[in-house]
């Protein structure tokens, strides 16, 4: 990832310098979210892998895939999370097709 986004560490430093309190708050929140709780770290990271695919964040895909593997997720679990994301990403347009079909009602010529 870094080879594609070579200026990002510098840009994040700038973001941190401009808004240190907000930057620190985000980092603290992120750390807290990934603490073990009702869900263990492995489960949270697998969820994050799927969410990262849906949000299409290359950084998150890279980081959470590595973190999921480190937390004990297998390659098959990570692949399945990506397929869950694919299903959900396709599910939204499928569900919203009902809006299009509804729009067609009464407009038949």
C-alpha atoms as a PDB file:
ATOM      1  CA  UNK A   1       0.000   0.000   0.000  1.00  0.00           C
ATOM      2  CA  UNK A   2       2.683   2.496   0.969  1.00  0.00           C
ATOM      3  CA  UNK A   3       4.177   2.446  -2.527  1.00  0.00           C
ATOM      4  CA  UNK A   4       0.888   3.808  -3.877  1.00  0.00           C
ATOM      5  CA  UNK A   5       0.434   6.439  -1.200  1.00  0.00           C
ATOM      6  CA  UNK A   6       3.968   7.641  -0.559  1.00  0.00           C
ATOM      7  CA  UNK A   7       2.982  11.033   0.912  1.00  0.00           C
ATOM      8  CA  UNK A   8       0.373   9.719   3.333  1.00  0.00           C
ATOM      9  CA  UNK A   9       2.543   9.467   6.483  1.00  0.00           C
ATOM     10  CA  UNK A  10       3.616  13.079   5.949  1.00  0.00           C
ATOM     11  CA  UNK A  11       0.019  14.123   5.360  1.00  0.00           C
ATOM     12  CA  UNK A  12      -1.180  12.342   8.487  1.00  0.00           C
ATOM     13  CA  UNK A  13       1.526  14.118  10.486  1.00  0.00           C
ATOM     14  CA  UNK A  14       0.184  17.397   9.140  1.00  0.00           C
ATOM     15  CA  UNK A  15      -3.350  16.397  10.102  1.00  0.00           C
ATOM     16  CA  UNK A  16      -2.129  15.555  13.615  1.00  0.00           C
ATOM     17  CA  UNK A  17      -0.278  18.879  13.863  1.00  0.00           C
ATOM     18  CA  UNK A  18      -3.293  20.903  12.744  1.00  0.00           C
ATOM     19  CA  UNK A  19      -5.818  19.174  15.027  1.00  0.00           C
ATOM     20  CA  UNK A  20      -3.904  17.269  17.726  1.00  0.00           C
ATOM     21  CA  UNK A  21      -6.864  16.849  20.089  1.00  0.00           C
ATOM     22  CA  UNK A  22      -9.142  15.433  17.395  1.00  0.00           C
ATOM     23  CA  UNK A  23      -6.388  13.224  16.039  1.00  0.00           C
ATOM     24  CA  UNK A  24      -5.650  11.824  19.506  1.00  0.00           C
ATOM     25  CA  UNK A  25      -9.358  11.316  20.163  1.00  0.00           C
ATOM     26  CA  UNK A  26      -9.725   9.265  16.999  1.00  0.00           C
ATOM     27  CA  UNK A  27      -6.673   7.133  17.832  1.00  0.00           C
ATOM     28  CA  UNK A  28      -7.943   6.574  21.383  1.00  0.00           C
ATOM     29  CA  UNK A  29     -11.413   5.662  20.103  1.00  0.00           C
ATOM     30  CA  UNK A  30      -9.952   3.222  17.581  1.00  0.00           C
ATOM     31  CA  UNK A  31      -7.841   1.537  20.260  1.00  0.00           C
ATOM     32  CA  UNK A  32     -10.834   1.268  22.584  1.00  0.00           C
ATOM     33  CA  UNK A  33     -13.072  -0.218  19.878  1.00  0.00           C
ATOM     34  CA  UNK A  34     -10.571  -2.997  19.231  1.00  0.00           C
ATOM     35  CA  UNK A  35     -10.156  -4.010  22.865  1.00  0.00           C
ATOM     36  CA  UNK A  36     -11.632  -7.403  23.664  1.00  0.00           C
ATOM     37  CA  UNK A  37     -15.147  -7.098  25.014  1.00  0.00           C
ATOM     38  CA  UNK A  38     -18.304  -8.971  24.094  1.00  0.00           C
ATOM     39  CA  UNK A  39     -16.409  -9.795  20.885  1.00  0.00           C
ATOM     40  CA  UNK A  40     -12.834 -11.013  20.888  1.00  0.00           C
ATOM     41  CA  UNK A  41     -10.136  -9.254  18.858  1.00  0.00           C
ATOM     42  CA  UNK A  42     -10.126 -11.867  16.087  1.00  0.00           C
ATOM     43  CA  UNK A  43     -13.877 -11.441  15.528  1.00  0.00           C
ATOM     44  CA  UNK A  44     -13.608  -7.650  15.562  1.00  0.00           C
ATOM     45  CA  UNK A  45     -10.798  -7.731  13.012  1.00  0.00           C
ATOM     46  CA  UNK A  46     -12.747 -10.072  10.725  1.00  0.00           C
ATOM     47  CA  UNK A  47     -15.685  -7.658  10.930  1.00  0.00           C
ATOM     48  CA  UNK A  48     -13.265  -4.820  10.153  1.00  0.00           C
ATOM     49  CA  UNK A  49     -11.983  -6.678   7.078  1.00  0.00           C
ATOM     50  CA  UNK A  50     -15.528  -6.952   5.734  1.00  0.00           C
ATOM     51  CA  UNK A  51     -16.361  -3.345   6.618  1.00  0.00           C
ATOM     52  CA  UNK A  52     -13.156  -2.110   4.998  1.00  0.00           C
ATOM     53  CA  UNK A  53     -14.133  -3.814   1.756  1.00  0.00           C
ATOM     54  CA  UNK A  54     -17.590  -2.226   1.837  1.00  0.00           C
ATOM     55  CA  UNK A  55     -16.165   1.231   2.569  1.00  0.00           C
ATOM     56  CA  UNK A  56     -13.444   0.606  -0.047  1.00  0.00           C
ATOM     57  CA  UNK A  57     -10.630   1.915   2.124  1.00  0.00           C
ATOM     58  CA  UNK A  58      -7.350   0.426   0.849  1.00  0.00           C
ATOM     59  CA  UNK A  59      -5.523   1.354   4.044  1.00  0.00           C
ATOM     60  CA  UNK A  60      -8.132  -0.357   6.202  1.00  0.00           C
ATOM     61  CA  UNK A  61      -8.203  -3.448   3.993  1.00  0.00           C
ATOM     62  CA  UNK A  62      -4.437  -3.762   4.292  1.00  0.00           C
ATOM     63  CA  UNK A  63      -4.190  -3.009   8.002  1.00  0.00           C
ATOM     64  CA  UNK A  64      -7.179  -5.019   9.201  1.00  0.00           C
ATOM     65  CA  UNK A  65      -6.340  -8.025   7.048  1.00  0.00           C
ATOM     66  CA  UNK A  66      -2.877  -8.112   8.635  1.00  0.00           C
ATOM     67  CA  UNK A  67      -4.326  -7.494  12.105  1.00  0.00           C
ATOM     68  CA  UNK A  68      -6.949 -10.220  11.624  1.00  0.00           C
ATOM     69  CA  UNK A  69      -4.283 -12.700  10.599  1.00  0.00           C
ATOM     70  CA  UNK A  70      -2.138 -11.701  13.581  1.00  0.00           C
ATOM     71  CA  UNK A  71      -5.180 -12.184  15.853  1.00  0.00           C
ATOM     72  CA  UNK A  72      -5.528 -15.746  14.571  1.00  0.00           C
ATOM     73  CA  UNK A  73      -7.859 -15.449  11.590  1.00  0.00           C
ATOM     74  CA  UNK A  74      -7.178 -17.976   8.860  1.00  0.00           C
ATOM     75  CA  UNK A  75      -6.862 -17.080   5.206  1.00  0.00           C
ATOM     76  CA  UNK A  76     -10.207 -18.837   4.629  1.00  0.00           C
ATOM     77  CA  UNK A  77     -11.889 -16.683   7.311  1.00  0.00           C
ATOM     78  CA  UNK A  78     -10.484 -13.512   5.772  1.00  0.00           C
ATOM     79  CA  UNK A  79     -11.609 -14.595   2.295  1.00  0.00           C
ATOM     80  CA  UNK A  80     -15.086 -15.381   3.634  1.00  0.00           C
ATOM     81  CA  UNK A  81     -15.255 -11.920   5.224  1.00  0.00           C
ATOM     82  CA  UNK A  82     -14.496 -10.420   1.801  1.00  0.00           C
ATOM     83  CA  UNK A  83     -17.333 -12.466   0.297  1.00  0.00           C
ATOM     84  CA  UNK A  84     -19.699 -11.265   3.021  1.00  0.00           C
ATOM     85  CA  UNK A  85     -18.729  -7.718   2.052  1.00  0.00           C
ATOM     86  CA  UNK A  86     -19.386  -8.501  -1.609  1.00  0.00           C
ATOM     87  CA  UNK A  87     -22.838  -9.843  -0.754  1.00  0.00           C
ATOM     88  CA  UNK A  88     -23.689  -6.767   1.305  1.00  0.00           C
ATOM     89  CA  UNK A  89     -22.340  -4.378  -1.306  1.00  0.00           C
ATOM     90  CA  UNK A  90     -24.469  -6.101  -3.933  1.00  0.00           C
ATOM     91  CA  UNK A  91     -27.399  -6.286  -1.538  1.00  0.00           C
ATOM     92  CA  UNK A  92     -27.892  -2.541  -1.357  1.00  0.00           C
ATOM     93  CA  UNK A  93     -28.509  -2.066  -5.093  1.00  0.00           C
ATOM     94  CA  UNK A  94     -30.636  -5.219  -5.100  1.00  0.00           C
ATOM     95  CA  UNK A  95     -32.818  -3.831  -2.304  1.00  0.00           C
ATOM     96  CA  UNK A  96     -32.889  -0.373  -3.842  1.00  0.00           C
ATOM     97  CA  UNK A  97     -34.096  -1.863  -7.126  1.00  0.00           C
ATOM     98  CA  UNK A  98     -37.477  -1.957  -5.383  1.00  0.00           C
ATOM     99  CA  UNK A  99     -37.415   1.845  -5.503  1.00  0.00           C
ATOM    100  CA  UNK A 100     -36.806   1.772  -9.250  1.00  0.00           C
ATOM    101  CA  UNK A 101     -39.557  -0.795  -9.765  1.00  0.00           C
ATOM    102  CA  UNK A 102     -41.893   1.303  -7.614  1.00  0.00           C
ATOM    103  CA  UNK A 103     -41.069   4.354  -9.700  1.00  0.00           C
ATOM    104  CA  UNK A 104     -42.185   2.479 -12.786  1.00  0.00           C
ATOM    105  CA  UNK A 105     -45.628   1.730 -11.382  1.00  0.00           C
ATOM    106  CA  UNK A 106     -48.297   3.949 -12.837  1.00  0.00           C
ATOM    107  CA  UNK A 107     -45.950   5.156 -15.541  1.00  0.00           C
ATOM    108  CA  UNK A 108     -46.711   2.408 -18.006  1.00  0.00           C
ATOM    109  CA  UNK A 109     -47.569   3.850 -21.394  1.00  0.00           C
END
